[in-house]
Amino acid sequence: MKKVLLVTASLIALGAAAPAVAADLAARPYTKAPPMMAAVYDWTGFYIGATGGTVGGQVGYRWQAGTSVFGLEAQGNWADFSGSNVSQVFPGFRNHTNVDAFGLFTGQVGYAVNNVLLYVKGGAAVTSNSYRINNFAGALVGVTGDDTRWGGTIGAGLEYAFAPNWSVGVEYNHLFMQDRTYTFTTPGGAFFGTDRIRQDVDLVTARLNYKFGGPTVARY
């Protein structure tokens, strides 16, 4: 009977001591994982570029606030655009217009999805033009001097930043040029007549831009 009591007392003592040993163990150190950082393209900065389909380029500045992008741009291109229509003043003749160069001075408002930019634009347009009148056989019967006219433009574009500081895009612009009456002379210099010329221009150009400044910012 004495031996049984001793064994029972020993078990009780071990059971009481076990929680004390566990409580004295040092807690494992806990390290919080660092927050994730995403590299987001920033469209802010000056840029310069060239256009395809015509010979020329553009220069501008953009600044970004959140996903909104605002900008100002000047663009100038040499061109060789032409169009013709039946003259309403001289039956049996066609008016022919050639655009030798154009310039655009516009503001932009865009929406950025990281390195993809969608934007609309609008502002002033200027064209350098020459006009002539041909008969239906194609012979030249009336000419006028070179002319520069001002108007307005609206457009839209899509731009993709494919590398640090470099982006490519495509852009459409419609030019609303004012109507104007011109005096035409024969190739020999004699007076031929006057005609009122209406001029609208549709442009689709490819663009390649280089932006000055850092291309990405870190955001948590």
Protein backbone atom coordinates (compact mmCIF):
# COMPACT_ATOMS: atom_id res chain seq x y z
CA MET A 1 0.00 0.00 0.00
CA LYS A 2 2.86 2.34 0.68
CA LYS A 3 4.37 1.80 -2.76
CA VAL A 4 1.11 2.67 -4.53
CA LEU A 5 0.81 5.98 -2.70
CA LEU A 6 4.35 6.98 -3.67
CA VAL A 7 3.76 6.31 -7.35
CA THR A 8 0.55 8.30 -7.35
CA ALA A 9 2.22 11.27 -5.70
CA SER A 10 4.97 11.24 -8.31
CA LEU A 11 2.47 11.38 -11.19
CA ILE A 12 0.69 14.32 -9.62
CA ALA A 13 3.95 16.17 -9.21
CA LEU A 14 4.90 15.62 -12.85
CA GLY A 15 1.49 16.77 -14.01
CA ALA A 16 1.78 19.97 -12.04
CA ALA A 17 5.27 20.69 -13.28
CA ALA A 18 4.53 20.20 -16.98
CA PRO A 19 2.59 23.48 -17.49
CA ALA A 20 5.33 25.43 -15.75
CA VAL A 21 7.97 24.06 -18.16
CA ALA A 22 5.83 24.89 -21.20
CA ALA A 23 5.19 28.42 -19.99
CA ASP A 24 8.91 29.10 -19.66
CA LEU A 25 9.68 28.34 -23.35
CA ALA A 26 10.76 31.39 -25.40
CA ALA A 27 8.27 32.52 -28.05
CA ARG A 28 9.31 32.17 -31.71
CA PRO A 29 10.25 35.50 -33.35
CA TYR A 30 7.62 36.85 -35.87
CA THR A 31 8.65 38.93 -38.86
CA LYS A 32 5.98 40.82 -40.83
CA ALA A 33 6.27 40.43 -44.61
CA PRO A 34 7.19 43.69 -46.40
CA PRO A 35 4.38 45.30 -48.43
CA MET A 36 4.29 44.53 -52.13
CA MET A 37 5.45 47.29 -54.48
CA ALA A 38 4.09 47.60 -58.01
CA ALA A 39 6.03 49.40 -60.73
CA VAL A 40 3.55 51.78 -62.39
CA TYR A 41 4.41 53.71 -65.57
CA ASP A 42 4.29 57.49 -65.16
CA TRP A 43 3.45 59.50 -68.30
CA THR A 44 4.64 62.79 -66.78
CA GLY A 45 7.41 64.59 -68.68
CA PHE A 46 8.53 66.20 -71.92
CA TYR A 47 8.54 64.06 -75.05
CA ILE A 48 9.61 64.31 -78.68
CA GLY A 49 8.79 62.03 -81.55
CA ALA A 50 8.22 61.33 -85.23
CA THR A 51 5.22 60.31 -87.31
CA GLY A 52 4.75 57.74 -90.01
CA GLY A 53 2.85 58.28 -93.25
CA THR A 54 4.20 61.84 -93.42
CA VAL A 55 7.59 63.39 -92.68
CA GLY A 56 7.59 65.34 -89.44
CA GLY A 57 7.22 65.06 -85.71
CA GLN A 58 5.84 66.39 -82.47
CA VAL A 59 6.98 67.78 -79.15
CA GLY A 60 4.93 68.11 -76.00
CA TYR A 61 4.58 67.80 -72.26
CA ARG A 62 2.26 65.56 -70.20
CA TRP A 63 1.51 65.39 -66.51
CA GLN A 64 -0.31 62.59 -64.71
CA ALA A 65 -2.65 62.73 -61.69
CA GLY A 66 -3.82 59.27 -60.70
CA THR A 67 -5.07 57.64 -63.90
CA SER A 68 -5.76 60.99 -65.60
CA VAL A 69 -3.18 62.43 -68.01
CA PHE A 70 -3.16 65.99 -69.36
CA GLY A 71 -0.91 67.38 -72.06
CA LEU A 72 0.01 70.05 -74.57
CA GLU A 73 1.53 69.27 -77.95
CA ALA A 74 2.81 70.95 -81.12
CA GLN A 75 3.11 68.89 -84.29
CA GLY A 76 4.44 69.79 -87.75
CA ASN A 77 4.65 67.63 -90.87
CA TRP A 78 5.48 67.88 -94.53
CA ALA A 79 2.80 66.13 -96.54
CA ASP A 80 1.49 65.32 -99.98
CA PHE A 81 -2.27 65.00 -99.52
CA SER A 82 -4.60 65.66 -102.41
CA GLY A 83 -8.33 65.68 -103.13
CA SER A 84 -10.69 66.86 -105.84
CA ASN A 85 -14.35 67.49 -106.54
CA VAL A 86 -16.57 68.77 -109.34
CA SER A 87 -16.62 72.56 -109.36
CA GLN A 88 -20.01 74.09 -108.59
CA VAL A 89 -18.99 77.35 -110.27
CA PHE A 90 -17.40 76.00 -113.47
CA PRO A 91 -19.48 73.09 -114.86
CA GLY A 92 -17.32 70.56 -116.64
CA PHE A 93 -14.26 71.31 -114.47
CA ARG A 94 -12.79 69.83 -111.28
CA ASN A 95 -11.20 71.63 -108.34
CA HIS A 96 -8.01 69.98 -107.11
CA THR A 97 -6.45 70.70 -103.69
CA ASN A 98 -3.00 69.65 -102.52
CA VAL A 99 -1.88 69.93 -98.86
CA ASP A 100 1.90 70.36 -98.74
CA ALA A 101 2.31 70.69 -94.97
CA PHE A 102 0.25 70.91 -91.79
CA GLY A 103 0.64 71.83 -88.14
CA LEU A 104 -1.41 71.01 -85.04
CA PHE A 105 -1.40 72.84 -81.70
CA THR A 106 -3.53 70.85 -79.27
CA GLY A 107 -4.42 70.04 -75.70
CA GLN A 108 -4.86 66.42 -74.57
CA VAL A 109 -6.94 64.63 -71.93
CA GLY A 110 -6.22 60.94 -71.41
CA TYR A 111 -6.78 57.86 -69.27
CA ALA A 112 -3.77 55.71 -68.34
CA VAL A 113 -3.87 51.99 -67.64
CA ASN A 114 -0.26 51.63 -66.45
CA ASN A 115 1.78 51.76 -69.70
CA VAL A 116 -1.22 52.12 -72.04
CA LEU A 117 -2.64 55.60 -72.68
CA LEU A 118 -5.96 56.46 -74.34
CA TYR A 119 -6.53 60.14 -75.08
CA VAL A 120 -8.59 62.71 -76.96
CA LYS A 121 -7.23 66.00 -78.24
CA GLY A 122 -8.35 69.25 -79.80
CA GLY A 123 -7.07 72.66 -80.78
CA ALA A 124 -5.86 74.68 -83.76
CA ALA A 125 -4.70 73.46 -87.17
CA VAL A 126 -2.83 75.16 -90.01
CA THR A 127 -2.27 73.88 -93.57
CA SER A 128 -0.13 74.97 -96.50
CA ASN A 129 -2.04 74.40 -99.74
CA SER A 130 -2.06 74.80 -103.50
CA TYR A 131 -5.13 74.75 -105.76
CA ARG A 132 -5.80 74.23 -109.42
CA ILE A 133 -8.71 73.66 -111.80
CA ASN A 134 -8.62 70.90 -114.42
CA ASN A 135 -11.02 69.92 -117.14
CA PHE A 136 -12.36 66.38 -117.15
CA ALA A 137 -9.62 65.38 -119.60
CA GLY A 138 -7.03 66.35 -116.95
CA ALA A 139 -5.67 69.48 -118.63
CA LEU A 140 -4.79 72.39 -116.34
CA VAL A 141 -6.97 75.45 -116.95
CA GLY A 142 -6.71 77.49 -113.72
CA VAL A 143 -4.14 77.96 -110.95
CA THR A 144 -3.74 80.04 -107.82
CA GLY A 145 -0.81 80.87 -105.60
CA ASP A 146 0.22 78.87 -102.52
CA ASP A 147 -2.01 79.53 -99.54
CA THR A 148 -1.94 79.07 -95.76
CA ARG A 149 -5.20 78.65 -93.88
CA TRP A 150 -6.11 78.16 -90.23
CA GLY A 151 -8.82 76.01 -88.75
CA GLY A 152 -9.54 73.60 -85.90
CA THR A 153 -8.87 69.94 -85.18
CA ILE A 154 -10.18 67.15 -82.97
CA GLY A 155 -8.69 63.70 -82.62
CA ALA A 156 -8.02 60.62 -80.53
CA GLY A 157 -5.11 58.28 -80.01
CA LEU A 158 -3.75 55.15 -78.36
CA GLU A 159 -0.16 54.98 -77.09
CA TYR A 160 1.79 52.05 -75.65
CA ALA A 161 5.05 52.36 -73.68
CA PHE A 162 7.03 49.31 -74.80
CA ALA A 163 10.35 50.15 -73.09
CA PRO A 164 11.70 52.66 -70.56
CA ASN A 165 11.02 56.13 -72.03
CA TRP A 166 9.90 54.79 -75.45
CA SER A 167 6.33 54.54 -76.70
CA VAL A 168 4.51 53.88 -79.97
CA GLY A 169 1.00 54.82 -80.93
CA VAL A 170 -1.58 55.52 -83.58
CA GLU A 171 -3.60 58.72 -83.84
CA TYR A 172 -6.55 60.03 -85.85
CA ASN A 173 -7.25 63.72 -86.45
CA HIS A 174 -9.96 65.56 -88.37
CA LEU A 175 -9.09 69.08 -89.53
CA PHE A 176 -11.92 71.58 -90.01
CA MET A 177 -10.46 74.23 -92.31
CA GLN A 178 -12.37 77.41 -93.08
CA ASP A 179 -14.02 78.00 -96.47
CA ARG A 180 -12.30 80.58 -98.64
CA THR A 181 -12.79 82.17 -102.06
CA TYR A 182 -9.78 82.14 -104.42
CA THR A 183 -8.99 83.85 -107.68
CA PHE A 184 -7.72 81.54 -110.43
CA THR A 185 -5.67 82.50 -113.47
CA THR A 186 -4.86 80.56 -116.61
CA PRO A 187 -1.36 79.04 -116.95
CA GLY A 188 -0.54 82.07 -119.11
CA GLY A 189 -1.55 84.51 -116.34
CA ALA A 190 -4.94 85.66 -117.62
CA PHE A 191 -7.92 85.89 -115.28
CA PHE A 192 -9.96 82.65 -115.26
CA GLY A 193 -12.48 83.17 -112.46
CA THR A 194 -13.12 82.80 -108.73
CA ASP A 195 -14.28 79.76 -106.78
CA ARG A 196 -15.00 79.04 -103.14
CA ILE A 197 -12.98 76.12 -101.76
CA ARG A 198 -14.06 74.09 -98.74
CA GLN A 199 -11.33 71.98 -97.13
CA ASP A 200 -11.58 69.20 -94.51
CA VAL A 201 -8.69 66.80 -93.87
CA ASP A 202 -8.67 63.36 -92.22
CA LEU A 203 -5.32 62.12 -90.88
CA VAL A 204 -4.22 58.76 -89.50
CA THR A 205 -0.60 58.69 -88.35
CA ALA A 206 1.73 56.29 -86.55
CA ARG A 207 3.82 57.81 -83.77
CA LEU A 208 7.12 57.03 -82.04
CA ASN A 209 7.92 59.08 -78.91
CA TYR A 210 10.83 59.39 -76.50
CA LYS A 211 9.97 60.74 -73.03
CA PHE A 212 12.54 62.51 -70.89
CA GLY A 213 12.56 61.47 -67.23
CA GLY A 214 11.96 58.32 -65.20
CA PRO A 215 9.40 55.93 -66.67
CA THR A 216 8.09 54.20 -63.51
CA VAL A 217 7.17 54.98 -59.92
CA ALA A 218 6.81 52.57 -57.00
CA ARG A 219 3.35 52.32 -55.46
CA TYR A 220 2.16 50.20 -52.52
